[in-house]
Amino acid sequence: MAKNAAKAVTIYGIKNCDTMKKARAWLDEHGVAYVFHDYKTAGIDKARLENWEKQVGWETLLNRAGPTFRKLPEADKEGLNAKKAVGLMLKHTSAIKRPVLEVGGALLVGFKPEIYAKTFR
């Protein structure tokens, strides 16, 4: 973990999300210092979301399996592209897949303990 210790780590998500709880617990158990950014209370800025989309693609960022997306009107879900998906995620932050972890310029989307272990070894 020492080689990543100096890298700034920010985890983005929603406080009460079960996946977020698992990811934060993993980071805590492995001694990884991080800043938590809660979409519900702090929102997310367009520039950051657009940057993420460029890094990993809107298909990775948009949580189409979650209830927030499923409850959207069909017109909002049709003809998705990067611009439309970013707009939906700005308006409905719960539709952003969780967690999003920024680690020294790299981006991890979703929680997979094996990926976290490789990142923080």
PDB file of N, CA and C in Angstrom:
ATOM      1  N   MET A   1       0.805  -1.200   0.000  1.00  0.00           N
ATOM      2  CA  MET A   1       0.000   0.000   0.000  1.00  0.00           C
ATOM      3  C   MET A   1       0.844   1.259   0.000  1.00  0.00           C
ATOM      4  N   ALA A   2       2.070   1.146   0.373  1.00  0.00           N
ATOM      5  CA  ALA A   2       2.901   2.331   0.529  1.00  0.00           C
ATOM      6  C   ALA A   2       3.018   3.146  -0.758  1.00  0.00           C
ATOM      7  N   LYS A   3       3.086   2.475  -1.917  1.00  0.00           N
ATOM      8  CA  LYS A   3       3.280   3.242  -3.149  1.00  0.00           C
ATOM      9  C   LYS A   3       2.070   4.104  -3.485  1.00  0.00           C
ATOM     10  N   ASN A   4       0.880   3.752  -3.014  1.00  0.00           N
ATOM     11  CA  ASN A   4      -0.317   4.541  -3.267  1.00  0.00           C
ATOM     12  C   ASN A   4      -0.668   5.455  -2.099  1.00  0.00           C
ATOM     13  N   ALA A   5       0.055   5.344  -1.024  1.00  0.00           N
ATOM     14  CA  ALA A   5      -0.279   6.111   0.177  1.00  0.00           C
ATOM     15  C   ALA A   5      -0.251   7.617  -0.073  1.00  0.00           C
ATOM     16  N   ALA A   6       0.650   8.076  -0.947  1.00  0.00           N
ATOM     17  CA  ALA A   6       0.772   9.509  -1.194  1.00  0.00           C
ATOM     18  C   ALA A   6      -0.275  10.024  -2.184  1.00  0.00           C
ATOM     19  N   LYS A   7      -0.969   9.130  -2.858  1.00  0.00           N
ATOM     20  CA  LYS A   7      -1.962   9.550  -3.839  1.00  0.00           C
ATOM     21  C   LYS A   7      -3.255   9.947  -3.138  1.00  0.00           C
ATOM     22  N   ALA A   8      -3.831  11.039  -3.600  1.00  0.00           N
ATOM     23  CA  ALA A   8      -5.106  11.484  -3.049  1.00  0.00           C
ATOM     24  C   ALA A   8      -6.196  10.502  -3.468  1.00  0.00           C
ATOM     25  N   VAL A   9      -7.029  10.118  -2.520  1.00  0.00           N
ATOM     26  CA  VAL A   9      -8.110   9.182  -2.783  1.00  0.00           C
ATOM     27  C   VAL A   9      -9.427   9.852  -2.392  1.00  0.00           C
ATOM     28  N   THR A  10     -10.348   9.906  -3.342  1.00  0.00           N
ATOM     29  CA  THR A  10     -11.687  10.415  -3.067  1.00  0.00           C
ATOM     30  C   THR A  10     -12.675   9.362  -3.524  1.00  0.00           C
ATOM     31  N   ILE A  11     -13.632   9.058  -2.659  1.00  0.00           N
ATOM     32  CA  ILE A  11     -14.680   8.108  -3.010  1.00  0.00           C
ATOM     33  C   ILE A  11     -15.995   8.878  -3.121  1.00  0.00           C
ATOM     34  N   TYR A  12     -16.662   8.699  -4.246  1.00  0.00           N
ATOM     35  CA  TYR A  12     -17.904   9.402  -4.544  1.00  0.00           C
ATOM     36  C   TYR A  12     -19.058   8.416  -4.495  1.00  0.00           C
ATOM     37  N   GLY A  13     -20.163   8.853  -3.891  1.00  0.00           N
ATOM     38  CA  GLY A  13     -21.343   7.998  -3.838  1.00  0.00           C
ATOM     39  C   GLY A  13     -22.401   8.573  -2.925  1.00  0.00           C
ATOM     40  N   ILE A  14     -23.179   7.674  -2.348  1.00  0.00           N
ATOM     41  CA  ILE A  14     -24.280   8.040  -1.471  1.00  0.00           C
ATOM     42  C   ILE A  14     -24.094   7.305  -0.148  1.00  0.00           C
ATOM     43  N   LYS A  15     -24.198   8.019   0.933  1.00  0.00           N
ATOM     44  CA  LYS A  15     -23.893   7.497   2.259  1.00  0.00           C
ATOM     45  C   LYS A  15     -24.575   6.169   2.584  1.00  0.00           C
ATOM     46  N   ASN A  16     -25.855   6.047   2.299  1.00  0.00           N
ATOM     47  CA  ASN A  16     -26.598   4.863   2.730  1.00  0.00           C
ATOM     48  C   ASN A  16     -26.626   3.711   1.733  1.00  0.00           C
ATOM     49  N   CYS A  17     -25.914   3.829   0.644  1.00  0.00           N
ATOM     50  CA  CYS A  17     -25.844   2.763  -0.358  1.00  0.00           C
ATOM     51  C   CYS A  17     -25.048   1.576   0.206  1.00  0.00           C
ATOM     52  N   ASP A  18     -25.587   0.367   0.077  1.00  0.00           N
ATOM     53  CA  ASP A  18     -24.915  -0.827   0.604  1.00  0.00           C
ATOM     54  C   ASP A  18     -23.550  -1.057  -0.035  1.00  0.00           C
ATOM     55  N   THR A  19     -23.448  -0.838  -1.342  1.00  0.00           N
ATOM     56  CA  THR A  19     -22.167  -1.017  -2.019  1.00  0.00           C
ATOM     57  C   THR A  19     -21.151   0.001  -1.522  1.00  0.00           C
ATOM     58  N   MET A  20     -21.610   1.215  -1.276  1.00  0.00           N
ATOM     59  CA  MET A  20     -20.722   2.247  -0.723  1.00  0.00           C
ATOM     60  C   MET A  20     -20.217   1.833   0.655  1.00  0.00           C
ATOM     61  N   LYS A  21     -21.109   1.294   1.457  1.00  0.00           N
ATOM     62  CA  LYS A  21     -20.716   0.850   2.803  1.00  0.00           C
ATOM     63  C   LYS A  21     -19.633  -0.219   2.721  1.00  0.00           C
ATOM     64  N   LYS A  22     -19.780  -1.156   1.777  1.00  0.00           N
ATOM     65  CA  LYS A  22     -18.778  -2.211   1.597  1.00  0.00           C
ATOM     66  C   LYS A  22     -17.444  -1.624   1.147  1.00  0.00           C
ATOM     67  N   ALA A  23     -17.493  -0.706   0.200  1.00  0.00           N
ATOM     68  CA  ALA A  23     -16.258  -0.101  -0.311  1.00  0.00           C
ATOM     69  C   ALA A  23     -15.554   0.709   0.773  1.00  0.00           C
ATOM     70  N   ARG A  24     -16.308   1.497   1.510  1.00  0.00           N
ATOM     71  CA  ARG A  24     -15.698   2.299   2.578  1.00  0.00           C
ATOM     72  C   ARG A  24     -15.133   1.403   3.678  1.00  0.00           C
ATOM     73  N   ALA A  25     -15.834   0.322   3.992  1.00  0.00           N
ATOM     74  CA  ALA A  25     -15.330  -0.621   5.001  1.00  0.00           C
ATOM     75  C   ALA A  25     -14.020  -1.251   4.516  1.00  0.00           C
ATOM     76  N   TRP A  26     -13.958  -1.605   3.220  1.00  0.00           N
ATOM     77  CA  TRP A  26     -12.734  -2.186   2.681  1.00  0.00           C
ATOM     78  C   TRP A  26     -11.583  -1.195   2.811  1.00  0.00           C
ATOM     79  N   LEU A  27     -11.812   0.047   2.424  1.00  0.00           N
ATOM     80  CA  LEU A  27     -10.767   1.068   2.520  1.00  0.00           C
ATOM     81  C   LEU A  27     -10.317   1.255   3.969  1.00  0.00           C
ATOM     82  N   ASP A  28     -11.283   1.324   4.887  1.00  0.00           N
ATOM     83  CA  ASP A  28     -10.959   1.477   6.309  1.00  0.00           C
ATOM     84  C   ASP A  28     -10.137   0.292   6.821  1.00  0.00           C
ATOM     85  N   GLU A  29     -10.570  -0.929   6.489  1.00  0.00           N
ATOM     86  CA  GLU A  29      -9.874  -2.139   6.955  1.00  0.00           C
ATOM     87  C   GLU A  29      -8.457  -2.237   6.412  1.00  0.00           C
ATOM     88  N   HIS A  30      -8.207  -1.648   5.261  1.00  0.00           N
ATOM     89  CA  HIS A  30      -6.886  -1.714   4.644  1.00  0.00           C
ATOM     90  C   HIS A  30      -6.065  -0.436   4.847  1.00  0.00           C
ATOM     91  N   GLY A  31      -6.529   0.423   5.724  1.00  0.00           N
ATOM     92  CA  GLY A  31      -5.766   1.613   6.091  1.00  0.00           C
ATOM     93  C   GLY A  31      -5.601   2.640   4.993  1.00  0.00           C
ATOM     94  N   VAL A  32      -6.554   2.689   4.066  1.00  0.00           N
ATOM     95  CA  VAL A  32      -6.482   3.644   2.970  1.00  0.00           C
ATOM     96  C   VAL A  32      -7.222   4.920   3.387  1.00  0.00           C
ATOM     97  N   ALA A  33      -6.486   6.021   3.465  1.00  0.00           N
ATOM     98  CA  ALA A  33      -7.097   7.306   3.811  1.00  0.00           C
ATOM     99  C   ALA A  33      -7.826   7.835   2.580  1.00  0.00           C
ATOM    100  N   TYR A  34      -9.003   8.395   2.783  1.00  0.00           N
ATOM    101  CA  TYR A  34      -9.798   8.889   1.668  1.00  0.00           C
ATOM    102  C   TYR A  34     -10.703  10.016   2.126  1.00  0.00           C
ATOM    103  N   VAL A  35     -11.195  10.755   1.148  1.00  0.00           N
ATOM    104  CA  VAL A  35     -12.209  11.777   1.362  1.00  0.00           C
ATOM    105  C   VAL A  35     -13.488  11.222   0.754  1.00  0.00           C
ATOM    106  N   PHE A  36     -14.601  11.345   1.469  1.00  0.00           N
ATOM    107  CA  PHE A  36     -15.885  10.879   0.964  1.00  0.00           C
ATOM    108  C   PHE A  36     -16.695  12.056   0.452  1.00  0.00           C
ATOM    109  N   HIS A  37     -17.180  11.938  -0.784  1.00  0.00           N
ATOM    110  CA  HIS A  37     -18.015  12.969  -1.402  1.00  0.00           C
ATOM    111  C   HIS A  37     -19.397  12.365  -1.623  1.00  0.00           C
ATOM    112  N   ASP A  38     -20.390  12.892  -0.917  1.00  0.00           N
ATOM    113  CA  ASP A  38     -21.760  12.389  -1.001  1.00  0.00           C
ATOM    114  C   ASP A  38     -22.541  13.183  -2.040  1.00  0.00           C
ATOM    115  N   TYR A  39     -22.981  12.497  -3.101  1.00  0.00           N
ATOM    116  CA  TYR A  39     -23.761  13.154  -4.156  1.00  0.00           C
ATOM    117  C   TYR A  39     -25.046  13.778  -3.611  1.00  0.00           C
ATOM    118  N   LYS A  40     -25.658  13.128  -2.632  1.00  0.00           N
ATOM    119  CA  LYS A  40     -26.947  13.607  -2.124  1.00  0.00           C
ATOM    120  C   LYS A  40     -26.813  14.972  -1.452  1.00  0.00           C
ATOM    121  N   THR A  41     -25.718  15.170  -0.736  1.00  0.00           N
ATOM    122  CA  THR A  41     -25.548  16.431  -0.015  1.00  0.00           C
ATOM    123  C   THR A  41     -24.711  17.451  -0.770  1.00  0.00           C
ATOM    124  N   ALA A  42     -23.728  16.989  -1.550  1.00  0.00           N
ATOM    125  CA  ALA A  42     -22.811  17.912  -2.218  1.00  0.00           C
ATOM    126  C   ALA A  42     -23.013  17.990  -3.732  1.00  0.00           C
ATOM    127  N   GLY A  43     -23.824  17.108  -4.295  1.00  0.00           N
ATOM    128  CA  GLY A  43     -24.011  17.101  -5.745  1.00  0.00           C
ATOM    129  C   GLY A  43     -22.739  16.684  -6.465  1.00  0.00           C
ATOM    130  N   ILE A  44     -22.723  16.914  -7.757  1.00  0.00           N
ATOM    131  CA  ILE A  44     -21.536  16.623  -8.568  1.00  0.00           C
ATOM    132  C   ILE A  44     -21.492  17.679  -9.664  1.00  0.00           C
ATOM    133  N   ASP A  45     -20.306  18.173  -9.954  1.00  0.00           N
ATOM    134  CA  ASP A  45     -20.243  19.227 -10.969  1.00  0.00           C
ATOM    135  C   ASP A  45     -20.107  18.632 -12.366  1.00  0.00           C
ATOM    136  N   LYS A  46     -20.624  19.365 -13.330  1.00  0.00           N
ATOM    137  CA  LYS A  46     -20.682  18.915 -14.714  1.00  0.00           C
ATOM    138  C   LYS A  46     -19.294  18.607 -15.271  1.00  0.00           C
ATOM    139  N   ALA A  47     -18.323  19.456 -14.985  1.00  0.00           N
ATOM    140  CA  ALA A  47     -16.973  19.262 -15.515  1.00  0.00           C
ATOM    141  C   ALA A  47     -16.379  17.936 -15.033  1.00  0.00           C
ATOM    142  N   ARG A  48     -16.568  17.615 -13.771  1.00  0.00           N
ATOM    143  CA  ARG A  48     -16.034  16.367 -13.226  1.00  0.00           C
ATOM    144  C   ARG A  48     -16.722  15.173 -13.892  1.00  0.00           C
ATOM    145  N   LEU A  49     -18.037  15.229 -14.001  1.00  0.00           N
ATOM    146  CA  LEU A  49     -18.791  14.145 -14.613  1.00  0.00           C
ATOM    147  C   LEU A  49     -18.397  13.957 -16.087  1.00  0.00           C
ATOM    148  N   GLU A  50     -18.207  15.054 -16.796  1.00  0.00           N
ATOM    149  CA  GLU A  50     -17.771  14.968 -18.195  1.00  0.00           C
ATOM    150  C   GLU A  50     -16.364  14.372 -18.292  1.00  0.00           C
ATOM    151  N   ASN A  51     -15.491  14.717 -17.369  1.00  0.00           N
ATOM    152  CA  ASN A  51     -14.143  14.151 -17.342  1.00  0.00           C
ATOM    153  C   ASN A  51     -14.207  12.638 -17.095  1.00  0.00           C
ATOM    154  N   TRP A  52     -15.027  12.230 -16.143  1.00  0.00           N
ATOM    155  CA  TRP A  52     -15.191  10.796 -15.878  1.00  0.00           C
ATOM    156  C   TRP A  52     -15.697  10.079 -17.125  1.00  0.00           C
ATOM    157  N   GLU A  53     -16.669  10.698 -17.786  1.00  0.00           N
ATOM    158  CA  GLU A  53     -17.246  10.082 -18.986  1.00  0.00           C
ATOM    159  C   GLU A  53     -16.168   9.891 -20.041  1.00  0.00           C
ATOM    160  N   LYS A  54     -15.280  10.852 -20.175  1.00  0.00           N
ATOM    161  CA  LYS A  54     -14.178  10.739 -21.142  1.00  0.00           C
ATOM    162  C   LYS A  54     -13.219   9.613 -20.747  1.00  0.00           C
ATOM    163  N   GLN A  55     -13.019   9.426 -19.445  1.00  0.00           N
ATOM    164  CA  GLN A  55     -12.094   8.397 -18.957  1.00  0.00           C
ATOM    165  C   GLN A  55     -12.658   6.987 -19.097  1.00  0.00           C
ATOM    166  N   VAL A  56     -13.916   6.791 -18.703  1.00  0.00           N
ATOM    167  CA  VAL A  56     -14.453   5.426 -18.641  1.00  0.00           C
ATOM    168  C   VAL A  56     -15.680   5.181 -19.517  1.00  0.00           C
ATOM    169  N   GLY A  57     -16.248   6.244 -20.082  1.00  0.00           N
ATOM    170  CA  GLY A  57     -17.441   6.099 -20.909  1.00  0.00           C
ATOM    171  C   GLY A  57     -18.727   6.185 -20.103  1.00  0.00           C
ATOM    172  N   TRP A  58     -19.750   6.743 -20.724  1.00  0.00           N
ATOM    173  CA  TRP A  58     -21.024   6.906 -20.022  1.00  0.00           C
ATOM    174  C   TRP A  58     -21.666   5.564 -19.710  1.00  0.00           C
ATOM    175  N   GLU A  59     -21.388   4.558 -20.538  1.00  0.00           N
ATOM    176  CA  GLU A  59     -21.970   3.241 -20.326  1.00  0.00           C
ATOM    177  C   GLU A  59     -21.512   2.635 -19.003  1.00  0.00           C
ATOM    178  N   THR A  60     -20.287   2.950 -18.603  1.00  0.00           N
ATOM    179  CA  THR A  60     -19.749   2.465 -17.332  1.00  0.00           C
ATOM    180  C   THR A  60     -20.303   3.267 -16.167  1.00  0.00           C
ATOM    181  N   LEU A  61     -20.468   4.560 -16.349  1.00  0.00           N
ATOM    182  CA  LEU A  61     -20.912   5.444 -15.266  1.00  0.00           C
ATOM    183  C   LEU A  61     -22.401   5.380 -14.954  1.00  0.00           C
ATOM    184  N   LEU A  62     -23.209   5.189 -15.962  1.00  0.00           N
ATOM    185  CA  LEU A  62     -24.654   5.240 -15.765  1.00  0.00           C
ATOM    186  C   LEU A  62     -25.172   3.900 -15.250  1.00  0.00           C
ATOM    187  N   ASN A  63     -25.798   3.936 -14.093  1.00  0.00           N
ATOM    188  CA  ASN A  63     -26.346   2.730 -13.476  1.00  0.00           C
ATOM    189  C   ASN A  63     -27.746   2.476 -14.026  1.00  0.00           C
ATOM    190  N   ARG A  64     -27.792   1.728 -15.122  1.00  0.00           N
ATOM    191  CA  ARG A  64     -29.079   1.448 -15.762  1.00  0.00           C
ATOM    192  C   ARG A  64     -29.860   0.342 -15.056  1.00  0.00           C
ATOM    193  N   ALA A  65     -29.245  -0.349 -14.104  1.00  0.00           N
ATOM    194  CA  ALA A  65     -29.926  -1.429 -13.383  1.00  0.00           C
ATOM    195  C   ALA A  65     -30.630  -0.931 -12.120  1.00  0.00           C
ATOM    196  N   GLY A  66     -30.309   0.263 -11.682  1.00  0.00           N
ATOM    197  CA  GLY A  66     -30.859   0.777 -10.424  1.00  0.00           C
ATOM    198  C   GLY A  66     -32.257   1.344 -10.561  1.00  0.00           C
ATOM    199  N   PRO A  67     -32.932   1.505  -9.435  1.00  0.00           N
ATOM    200  CA  PRO A  67     -34.310   2.000  -9.441  1.00  0.00           C
ATOM    201  C   PRO A  67     -34.439   3.426  -9.976  1.00  0.00           C
ATOM    202  N   THR A  68     -33.458   4.266  -9.763  1.00  0.00           N
ATOM    203  CA  THR A  68     -33.545   5.644 -10.250  1.00  0.00           C
ATOM    204  C   THR A  68     -33.694   5.655 -11.766  1.00  0.00           C
ATOM    205  N   PHE A  69     -32.848   4.903 -12.449  1.00  0.00           N
ATOM    206  CA  PHE A  69     -32.917   4.865 -13.909  1.00  0.00           C
ATOM    207  C   PHE A  69     -34.191   4.175 -14.380  1.00  0.00           C
ATOM    208  N   ARG A  70     -34.527   3.071 -13.755  1.00  0.00           N
ATOM    209  CA  ARG A  70     -35.708   2.306 -14.180  1.00  0.00           C
ATOM    210  C   ARG A  70     -36.995   3.117 -14.069  1.00  0.00           C
ATOM    211  N   LYS A  71     -37.046   4.049 -13.110  1.00  0.00           N
ATOM    212  CA  LYS A  71     -38.257   4.861 -12.900  1.00  0.00           C
ATOM    213  C   LYS A  71     -38.347   6.069 -13.838  1.00  0.00           C
ATOM    214  N   LEU A  72     -37.286   6.335 -14.588  1.00  0.00           N
ATOM    215  CA  LEU A  72     -37.304   7.471 -15.509  1.00  0.00           C
ATOM    216  C   LEU A  72     -38.313   7.234 -16.626  1.00  0.00           C
ATOM    217  N   PRO A  73     -38.881   8.312 -17.172  1.00  0.00           N
ATOM    218  CA  PRO A  73     -39.765   8.164 -18.333  1.00  0.00           C
ATOM    219  C   PRO A  73     -38.999   7.528 -19.496  1.00  0.00           C
ATOM    220  N   GLU A  74     -39.701   6.741 -20.296  1.00  0.00           N
ATOM    221  CA  GLU A  74     -39.073   6.058 -21.436  1.00  0.00           C
ATOM    222  C   GLU A  74     -38.336   7.032 -22.347  1.00  0.00           C
ATOM    223  N   ALA A  75     -38.871   8.220 -22.529  1.00  0.00           N
ATOM    224  CA  ALA A  75     -38.235   9.215 -23.404  1.00  0.00           C
ATOM    225  C   ALA A  75     -36.836   9.583 -22.912  1.00  0.00           C
ATOM    226  N   ASP A  76     -36.652   9.603 -21.593  1.00  0.00           N
ATOM    227  CA  ASP A  76     -35.334   9.909 -21.030  1.00  0.00           C
ATOM    228  C   ASP A  76     -34.343   8.775 -21.263  1.00  0.00           C
ATOM    229  N   LYS A  77     -34.832   7.560 -21.363  1.00  0.00           N
ATOM    230  CA  LYS A  77     -33.967   6.388 -21.504  1.00  0.00           C
ATOM    231  C   LYS A  77     -33.648   6.062 -22.957  1.00  0.00           C
ATOM    232  N   GLU A  78     -34.404   6.626 -23.880  1.00  0.00           N
ATOM    233  CA  GLU A  78     -34.204   6.332 -25.295  1.00  0.00           C
ATOM    234  C   GLU A  78     -33.137   7.243 -25.906  1.00  0.00           C
ATOM    235  N   GLY A  79     -32.423   6.705 -26.888  1.00  0.00           N
ATOM    236  CA  GLY A  79     -31.434   7.495 -27.620  1.00  0.00           C
ATOM    237  C   GLY A  79     -30.299   8.003 -26.765  1.00  0.00           C
ATOM    238  N   LEU A  80     -29.880   7.201 -25.794  1.00  0.00           N
ATOM    239  CA  LEU A  80     -28.801   7.638 -24.911  1.00  0.00           C
ATOM    240  C   LEU A  80     -27.495   7.797 -25.679  1.00  0.00           C
ATOM    241  N   ASN A  81     -26.802   8.864 -25.326  1.00  0.00           N
ATOM    242  CA  ASN A  81     -25.448   9.113 -25.807  1.00  0.00           C
ATOM    243  C   ASN A  81     -24.722   9.798 -24.651  1.00  0.00           C
ATOM    244  N   ALA A  82     -23.483  10.159 -24.844  1.00  0.00           N
ATOM    245  CA  ALA A  82     -22.697  10.735 -23.748  1.00  0.00           C
ATOM    246  C   ALA A  82     -23.353  11.995 -23.182  1.00  0.00           C
ATOM    247  N   LYS A  83     -23.764  12.906 -24.057  1.00  0.00           N
ATOM    248  CA  LYS A  83     -24.341  14.170 -23.591  1.00  0.00           C
ATOM    249  C   LYS A  83     -25.636  13.938 -22.809  1.00  0.00           C
ATOM    250  N   LYS A  84     -26.509  13.111 -23.337  1.00  0.00           N
ATOM    251  CA  LYS A  84     -27.788  12.839 -22.667  1.00  0.00           C
ATOM    252  C   LYS A  84     -27.567  12.106 -21.341  1.00  0.00           C
ATOM    253  N   ALA A  85     -26.646  11.135 -21.331  1.00  0.00           N
ATOM    254  CA  ALA A  85     -26.362  10.382 -20.104  1.00  0.00           C
ATOM    255  C   ALA A  85     -25.782  11.291 -19.020  1.00  0.00           C
ATOM    256  N   VAL A  86     -24.857  12.163 -19.391  1.00  0.00           N
ATOM    257  CA  VAL A  86     -24.283  13.102 -18.412  1.00  0.00           C
ATOM    258  C   VAL A  86     -25.381  14.000 -17.860  1.00  0.00           C
ATOM    259  N   GLY A  87     -26.273  14.482 -18.726  1.00  0.00           N
ATOM    260  CA  GLY A  87     -27.395  15.304 -18.269  1.00  0.00           C
ATOM    261  C   GLY A  87     -28.288  14.573 -17.280  1.00  0.00           C
ATOM    262  N   LEU A  88     -28.575  13.311 -17.562  1.00  0.00           N
ATOM    263  CA  LEU A  88     -29.392  12.505 -16.641  1.00  0.00           C
ATOM    264  C   LEU A  88     -28.694  12.324 -15.298  1.00  0.00           C
ATOM    265  N   MET A  89     -27.390  12.049 -15.332  1.00  0.00           N
ATOM    266  CA  MET A  89     -26.643  11.831 -14.092  1.00  0.00           C
ATOM    267  C   MET A  89     -26.520  13.115 -13.277  1.00  0.00           C
ATOM    268  N   LEU A  90     -26.437  14.261 -13.947  1.00  0.00           N
ATOM    269  CA  LEU A  90     -26.408  15.537 -13.227  1.00  0.00           C
ATOM    270  C   LEU A  90     -27.742  15.788 -12.521  1.00  0.00           C
ATOM    271  N   LYS A  91     -28.813  15.476 -13.223  1.00  0.00           N
ATOM    272  CA  LYS A  91     -30.151  15.703 -12.673  1.00  0.00           C
ATOM    273  C   LYS A  91     -30.535  14.653 -11.632  1.00  0.00           C
ATOM    274  N   HIS A  92     -30.095  13.417 -11.849  1.00  0.00           N
ATOM    275  CA  HIS A  92     -30.433  12.290 -10.968  1.00  0.00           C
ATOM    276  C   HIS A  92     -29.129  11.636 -10.518  1.00  0.00           C
ATOM    277  N   THR A  93     -28.489  12.211  -9.515  1.00  0.00           N
ATOM    278  CA  THR A  93     -27.174  11.707  -9.093  1.00  0.00           C
ATOM    279  C   THR A  93     -27.216  10.250  -8.635  1.00  0.00           C
ATOM    280  N   SER A  94     -28.372   9.774  -8.214  1.00  0.00           N
ATOM    281  CA  SER A  94     -28.487   8.369  -7.810  1.00  0.00           C
ATOM    282  C   SER A  94     -28.321   7.422  -8.994  1.00  0.00           C
ATOM    283  N   ALA A  95     -28.361   7.949 -10.205  1.00  0.00           N
ATOM    284  CA  ALA A  95     -28.177   7.122 -11.401  1.00  0.00           C
ATOM    285  C   ALA A  95     -26.700   6.937 -11.752  1.00  0.00           C
ATOM    286  N   ILE A  96     -25.803   7.532 -10.972  1.00  0.00           N
ATOM    287  CA  ILE A  96     -24.373   7.332 -11.188  1.00  0.00           C
ATOM    288  C   ILE A  96     -23.985   6.042 -10.465  1.00  0.00           C
ATOM    289  N   LYS A  97     -23.322   5.147 -11.182  1.00  0.00           N
ATOM    290  CA  LYS A  97     -22.891   3.890 -10.583  1.00  0.00           C
ATOM    291  C   LYS A  97     -21.993   4.203  -9.385  1.00  0.00           C
ATOM    292  N   ARG A  98     -22.104   3.387  -8.355  1.00  0.00           N
ATOM    293  CA  ARG A  98     -21.357   3.638  -7.132  1.00  0.00           C
ATOM    294  C   ARG A  98     -20.528   2.420  -6.736  1.00  0.00           C
ATOM    295  N   PRO A  99     -19.427   2.720  -6.052  1.00  0.00           N
ATOM    296  CA  PRO A  99     -18.777   4.018  -5.903  1.00  0.00           C
ATOM    297  C   PRO A  99     -17.947   4.380  -7.131  1.00  0.00           C
ATOM    298  N   VAL A 100     -17.595   5.654  -7.180  1.00  0.00           N
ATOM    299  CA  VAL A 100     -16.574   6.112  -8.117  1.00  0.00           C
ATOM    300  C   VAL A 100     -15.395   6.513  -7.236  1.00  0.00           C
ATOM    301  N   LEU A 101     -14.254   5.923  -7.510  1.00  0.00           N
ATOM    302  CA  LEU A 101     -13.065   6.153  -6.696  1.00  0.00           C
ATOM    303  C   LEU A 101     -12.005   6.815  -7.558  1.00  0.00           C
ATOM    304  N   GLU A 102     -11.587   8.015  -7.160  1.00  0.00           N
ATOM    305  CA  GLU A 102     -10.474   8.695  -7.822  1.00  0.00           C
ATOM    306  C   GLU A 102      -9.217   8.407  -7.011  1.00  0.00           C
ATOM    307  N   VAL A 103      -8.221   7.863  -7.701  1.00  0.00           N
ATOM    308  CA  VAL A 103      -6.964   7.516  -7.038  1.00  0.00           C
ATOM    309  C   VAL A 103      -5.821   8.070  -7.871  1.00  0.00           C
ATOM    310  N   GLY A 104      -5.285   9.208  -7.440  1.00  0.00           N
ATOM    311  CA  GLY A 104      -4.135   9.786  -8.133  1.00  0.00           C
ATOM    312  C   GLY A 104      -4.306   9.882  -9.639  1.00  0.00           C
ATOM    313  N   GLY A 105      -5.460  10.319 -10.104  1.00  0.00           N
ATOM    314  CA  GLY A 105      -5.702  10.475 -11.522  1.00  0.00           C
ATOM    315  C   GLY A 105      -6.404   9.290 -12.177  1.00  0.00           C
ATOM    316  N   ALA A 106      -6.352   8.123 -11.552  1.00  0.00           N
ATOM    317  CA  ALA A 106      -7.049   6.942 -12.085  1.00  0.00           C
ATOM    318  C   ALA A 106      -8.475   6.923 -11.546  1.00  0.00           C
ATOM    319  N   LEU A 107      -9.334   6.176 -12.231  1.00  0.00           N
ATOM    320  CA  LEU A 107     -10.740   6.119 -11.868  1.00  0.00           C
ATOM    321  C   LEU A 107     -11.189   4.666 -11.786  1.00  0.00           C
ATOM    322  N   LEU A 108     -11.791   4.301 -10.657  1.00  0.00           N
ATOM    323  CA  LEU A 108     -12.387   2.972 -10.486  1.00  0.00           C
ATOM    324  C   LEU A 108     -13.881   3.169 -10.307  1.00  0.00           C
ATOM    325  N   VAL A 109     -14.682   2.427 -11.054  1.00  0.00           N
ATOM    326  CA  VAL A 109     -16.130   2.552 -10.962  1.00  0.00           C
ATOM    327  C   VAL A 109     -16.696   1.209 -10.510  1.00  0.00           C
ATOM    328  N   GLY A 110     -17.493   1.242  -9.441  1.00  0.00           N
ATOM    329  CA  GLY A 110     -18.024   0.015  -8.861  1.00  0.00           C
ATOM    330  C   GLY A 110     -17.067  -0.507  -7.803  1.00  0.00           C
ATOM    331  N   PHE A 111     -17.536  -1.461  -7.015  1.00  0.00           N
ATOM    332  CA  PHE A 111     -16.684  -2.019  -5.969  1.00  0.00           C
ATOM    333  C   PHE A 111     -16.400  -3.480  -6.244  1.00  0.00           C
ATOM    334  N   LYS A 112     -15.124  -3.755  -6.469  1.00  0.00           N
ATOM    335  CA  LYS A 112     -14.642  -5.120  -6.616  1.00  0.00           C
ATOM    336  C   LYS A 112     -13.405  -5.226  -5.717  1.00  0.00           C
ATOM    337  N   PRO A 113     -13.496  -5.992  -4.631  1.00  0.00           N
ATOM    338  CA  PRO A 113     -12.371  -6.068  -3.692  1.00  0.00           C
ATOM    339  C   PRO A 113     -11.044  -6.425  -4.356  1.00  0.00           C
ATOM    340  N   GLU A 114     -11.070  -7.309  -5.365  1.00  0.00           N
ATOM    341  CA  GLU A 114      -9.820  -7.711  -6.018  1.00  0.00           C
ATOM    342  C   GLU A 114      -9.176  -6.553  -6.774  1.00  0.00           C
ATOM    343  N   ILE A 115      -9.982  -5.663  -7.340  1.00  0.00           N
ATOM    344  CA  ILE A 115      -9.451  -4.484  -8.049  1.00  0.00           C
ATOM    345  C   ILE A 115      -8.889  -3.496  -7.034  1.00  0.00           C
ATOM    346  N   TYR A 116      -9.599  -3.302  -5.931  1.00  0.00           N
ATOM    347  CA  TYR A 116      -9.090  -2.426  -4.880  1.00  0.00           C
ATOM    348  C   TYR A 116      -7.769  -2.960  -4.348  1.00  0.00           C
ATOM    349  N   ALA A 117      -7.679  -4.274  -4.151  1.00  0.00           N
ATOM    350  CA  ALA A 117      -6.451  -4.884  -3.624  1.00  0.00           C
ATOM    351  C   ALA A 117      -5.278  -4.635  -4.562  1.00  0.00           C
ATOM    352  N   LYS A 118      -5.510  -4.767  -5.871  1.00  0.00           N
ATOM    353  CA  LYS A 118      -4.429  -4.513  -6.840  1.00  0.00           C
ATOM    354  C   LYS A 118      -4.029  -3.034  -6.827  1.00  0.00           C
ATOM    355  N   THR A 119      -5.014  -2.160  -6.713  1.00  0.00           N
ATOM    356  CA  THR A 119      -4.762  -0.719  -6.744  1.00  0.00           C
ATOM    357  C   THR A 119      -3.967  -0.275  -5.516  1.00  0.00           C
ATOM    358  N   PHE A 120      -4.256  -0.865  -4.363  1.00  0.00           N
ATOM    359  CA  PHE A 120      -3.655  -0.394  -3.117  1.00  0.00           C
ATOM    360  C   PHE A 120      -2.634  -1.345  -2.531  1.00  0.00           C
ATOM    361  N   ARG A 121      -1.996  -2.182  -3.369  1.00  0.00           N
ATOM    362  CA  ARG A 121      -0.987  -3.076  -2.803  1.00  0.00           C
ATOM    363  C   ARG A 121       0.318  -2.386  -2.606  1.00  0.00           C
TER     364      ARG A 121
END
